[in-house]
Amino acid sequence: MSRIILATLCALAVFTFSAIEASAANVTTGKTVYDASCVTCHKTGLMGAPKLGDKANWAPRIKKGNAVLVSNSTKGFKGKVGVMPAKGGNLKLTDMQIADAVAYMVSASK
C-alpha cells in the first residue's frame, strides 16, 4: 500500500513541476508574440488597449479570467473605451500564440 502512495506522490510532483515549467514556457513564448504583434497597442494604450504593467487597468480584466481574455483577444472585442481587433489584427497568429501572449501580459500586469 505504501508503494502505491509513494508512486502517486512522485507522479503528482512530476506533474506539478511539468505544469510550472509549461506555464513559464508559455509566458516566455508570450513575450515573443507580444513583442512582435501586441506591443504597438499595449505599450501606448492605442485604441484603448490596457498598457502592459498597468495594474489598475488590468485588474478588472484579470478578474474575468484567462478564458474570457483569450476569447476576446482571439475573436475581437469592442468595449466601452476601446477596441481589440481579432488576434490583434495579425490573423496569422494561432489561438495558442494568443493564449501565450495573454498569459505574458497578465503576468506582467498583476
C-alpha atoms as a PDB file:
ATOM      1  CA  MET A   1       0.000   0.000   0.000  1.00  0.00           C
ATOM      2  CA  SER A   2       2.787   2.452   0.857  1.00  0.00           C
ATOM      3  CA  ARG A   3       4.373   1.843  -2.583  1.00  0.00           C
ATOM      4  CA  ILE A   4       1.147   2.980  -4.240  1.00  0.00           C
ATOM      5  CA  ILE A   5       1.032   6.125  -2.127  1.00  0.00           C
ATOM      6  CA  LEU A   6       4.717   6.843  -2.813  1.00  0.00           C
ATOM      7  CA  ALA A   7       4.231   6.308  -6.549  1.00  0.00           C
ATOM      8  CA  THR A   8       1.192   8.582  -6.525  1.00  0.00           C
ATOM      9  CA  LEU A   9       3.097  11.325  -4.712  1.00  0.00           C
ATOM     10  CA  CYS A  10       6.008  11.048  -7.146  1.00  0.00           C
ATOM     11  CA  ALA A  11       3.647  11.256 -10.120  1.00  0.00           C
ATOM     12  CA  LEU A  12       1.949  14.283  -8.591  1.00  0.00           C
ATOM     13  CA  ALA A  13       5.302  16.015  -8.050  1.00  0.00           C
ATOM     14  CA  VAL A  14       6.378  15.363 -11.652  1.00  0.00           C
ATOM     15  CA  PHE A  15       3.039  16.648 -12.961  1.00  0.00           C
ATOM     16  CA  THR A  16       3.238  19.772 -10.789  1.00  0.00           C
ATOM     17  CA  PHE A  17       6.775  20.635 -11.904  1.00  0.00           C
ATOM     18  CA  SER A  18       5.873  19.973 -15.543  1.00  0.00           C
ATOM     19  CA  ALA A  19       2.885  22.312 -15.261  1.00  0.00           C
ATOM     20  CA  ILE A  20       5.076  25.019 -13.713  1.00  0.00           C
ATOM     21  CA  GLU A  21       7.651  24.629 -16.499  1.00  0.00           C
ATOM     22  CA  ALA A  22       4.916  24.717 -19.171  1.00  0.00           C
ATOM     23  CA  SER A  23       3.485  27.871 -17.632  1.00  0.00           C
ATOM     24  CA  ALA A  24       6.904  29.525 -17.681  1.00  0.00           C
ATOM     25  CA  ALA A  25       7.380  28.458 -21.312  1.00  0.00           C
ATOM     26  CA  ASN A  26       4.016  29.989 -22.210  1.00  0.00           C
ATOM     27  CA  VAL A  27       4.991  33.300 -20.654  1.00  0.00           C
ATOM     28  CA  THR A  28       8.349  33.248 -22.486  1.00  0.00           C
ATOM     29  CA  THR A  29       6.648  32.431 -25.790  1.00  0.00           C
ATOM     30  CA  GLY A  30       4.012  35.028 -24.974  1.00  0.00           C
ATOM     31  CA  LYS A  31       6.657  37.751 -24.645  1.00  0.00           C
ATOM     32  CA  THR A  32       7.908  36.900 -28.126  1.00  0.00           C
ATOM     33  CA  VAL A  33       4.373  37.172 -29.530  1.00  0.00           C
ATOM     34  CA  TYR A  34       3.759  40.372 -27.548  1.00  0.00           C
ATOM     35  CA  ASP A  35       6.959  41.955 -28.879  1.00  0.00           C
ATOM     36  CA  ALA A  36       6.062  41.045 -32.462  1.00  0.00           C
ATOM     37  CA  SER A  37       2.332  41.710 -32.548  1.00  0.00           C
ATOM     38  CA  CYS A  38       0.857  43.279 -29.404  1.00  0.00           C
ATOM     39  CA  VAL A  39       3.342  45.938 -28.370  1.00  0.00           C
ATOM     40  CA  THR A  40       2.012  48.599 -30.758  1.00  0.00           C
ATOM     41  CA  CYS A  41      -1.252  48.969 -28.862  1.00  0.00           C
ATOM     42  CA  HIS A  42      -0.448  47.590 -25.415  1.00  0.00           C
ATOM     43  CA  LYS A  43       2.661  49.732 -24.900  1.00  0.00           C
ATOM     44  CA  THR A  44       0.961  53.032 -25.721  1.00  0.00           C
ATOM     45  CA  GLY A  45      -2.712  52.374 -24.965  1.00  0.00           C
ATOM     46  CA  LEU A  46      -3.655  52.806 -28.619  1.00  0.00           C
ATOM     47  CA  MET A  47      -7.383  52.216 -29.258  1.00  0.00           C
ATOM     48  CA  GLY A  48      -7.975  51.962 -25.506  1.00  0.00           C
ATOM     49  CA  ALA A  49      -5.750  48.905 -25.024  1.00  0.00           C
ATOM     50  CA  PRO A  50      -4.666  48.377 -21.423  1.00  0.00           C
ATOM     51  CA  LYS A  51      -0.965  49.180 -21.158  1.00  0.00           C
ATOM     52  CA  LEU A  52       1.342  46.363 -20.153  1.00  0.00           C
ATOM     53  CA  GLY A  53       2.019  46.632 -16.436  1.00  0.00           C
ATOM     54  CA  ASP A  54      -0.900  48.978 -15.682  1.00  0.00           C
ATOM     55  CA  LYS A  55      -2.234  47.022 -12.702  1.00  0.00           C
ATOM     56  CA  ALA A  56      -5.298  49.208 -12.132  1.00  0.00           C
ATOM     57  CA  ASN A  57      -6.400  48.925 -15.757  1.00  0.00           C
ATOM     58  CA  TRP A  58      -5.722  45.188 -15.979  1.00  0.00           C
ATOM     59  CA  ALA A  59      -7.282  44.180 -12.614  1.00  0.00           C
ATOM     60  CA  PRO A  60     -10.932  44.107 -13.745  1.00  0.00           C
ATOM     61  CA  ARG A  61      -9.955  42.258 -16.900  1.00  0.00           C
ATOM     62  CA  ILE A  62      -7.895  39.694 -14.987  1.00  0.00           C
ATOM     63  CA  LYS A  63     -10.878  39.090 -12.659  1.00  0.00           C
ATOM     64  CA  LYS A  64     -12.881  37.888 -15.666  1.00  0.00           C
ATOM     65  CA  GLY A  65     -10.413  35.037 -16.133  1.00  0.00           C
ATOM     66  CA  ASN A  66      -7.989  33.954 -18.802  1.00  0.00           C
ATOM     67  CA  ALA A  67     -10.659  32.176 -20.850  1.00  0.00           C
ATOM     68  CA  VAL A  68     -12.529  35.464 -21.375  1.00  0.00           C
ATOM     69  CA  LEU A  69      -9.327  37.386 -22.113  1.00  0.00           C
ATOM     70  CA  VAL A  70      -8.181  34.796 -24.644  1.00  0.00           C
ATOM     71  CA  SER A  71     -11.619  34.653 -26.272  1.00  0.00           C
ATOM     72  CA  ASN A  72     -11.800  38.450 -26.560  1.00  0.00           C
ATOM     73  CA  SER A  73      -8.276  38.560 -27.959  1.00  0.00           C
ATOM     74  CA  THR A  74      -8.903  35.769 -30.433  1.00  0.00           C
ATOM     75  CA  LYS A  75     -12.351  36.810 -31.667  1.00  0.00           C
ATOM     76  CA  GLY A  76     -12.069  40.546 -31.120  1.00  0.00           C
ATOM     77  CA  PHE A  77     -13.893  42.739 -28.657  1.00  0.00           C
ATOM     78  CA  LYS A  78     -15.450  46.190 -28.508  1.00  0.00           C
ATOM     79  CA  GLY A  79     -15.654  47.653 -25.018  1.00  0.00           C
ATOM     80  CA  LYS A  80     -16.813  50.960 -23.559  1.00  0.00           C
ATOM     81  CA  VAL A  81     -13.406  52.573 -24.005  1.00  0.00           C
ATOM     82  CA  GLY A  82     -11.612  50.543 -26.631  1.00  0.00           C
ATOM     83  CA  VAL A  83     -11.454  48.001 -29.396  1.00  0.00           C
ATOM     84  CA  MET A  84      -9.500  44.759 -29.623  1.00  0.00           C
ATOM     85  CA  PRO A  85      -9.310  43.540 -33.208  1.00  0.00           C
ATOM     86  CA  ALA A  86      -9.444  39.781 -33.691  1.00  0.00           C
ATOM     87  CA  LYS A  87      -5.961  38.400 -32.996  1.00  0.00           C
ATOM     88  CA  GLY A  88      -4.750  41.954 -32.600  1.00  0.00           C
ATOM     89  CA  GLY A  89      -5.041  42.365 -36.341  1.00  0.00           C
ATOM     90  CA  ASN A  90      -2.486  39.619 -37.007  1.00  0.00           C
ATOM     91  CA  LEU A  91      -4.711  36.828 -38.293  1.00  0.00           C
ATOM     92  CA  LYS A  92      -1.691  34.563 -38.810  1.00  0.00           C
ATOM     93  CA  LEU A  93      -1.366  34.067 -35.044  1.00  0.00           C
ATOM     94  CA  THR A  94      -2.600  30.753 -33.695  1.00  0.00           C
ATOM     95  CA  ASP A  95      -5.004  30.529 -30.780  1.00  0.00           C
ATOM     96  CA  MET A  96      -2.132  29.135 -28.695  1.00  0.00           C
ATOM     97  CA  GLN A  97       0.080  32.112 -29.525  1.00  0.00           C
ATOM     98  CA  ILE A  98      -2.742  34.431 -28.477  1.00  0.00           C
ATOM     99  CA  ALA A  99      -3.156  32.493 -25.216  1.00  0.00           C
ATOM    100  CA  ASP A 100       0.594  32.725 -24.578  1.00  0.00           C
ATOM    101  CA  ALA A 101       0.595  36.485 -25.217  1.00  0.00           C
ATOM    102  CA  VAL A 102      -2.354  36.912 -22.848  1.00  0.00           C
ATOM    103  CA  ALA A 103      -0.516  34.861 -20.199  1.00  0.00           C
ATOM    104  CA  TYR A 104       2.524  37.098 -20.598  1.00  0.00           C
ATOM    105  CA  MET A 105       0.530  40.335 -20.363  1.00  0.00           C
ATOM    106  CA  VAL A 106      -1.455  39.120 -17.358  1.00  0.00           C
ATOM    107  CA  SER A 107       1.696  38.011 -15.525  1.00  0.00           C
ATOM    108  CA  ALA A 108       3.347  41.372 -16.232  1.00  0.00           C
ATOM    109  CA  SER A 109       0.273  43.301 -15.114  1.00  0.00           C
ATOM    110  CA  LYS A 110      -0.609  41.711 -11.763  1.00  0.00           C
END
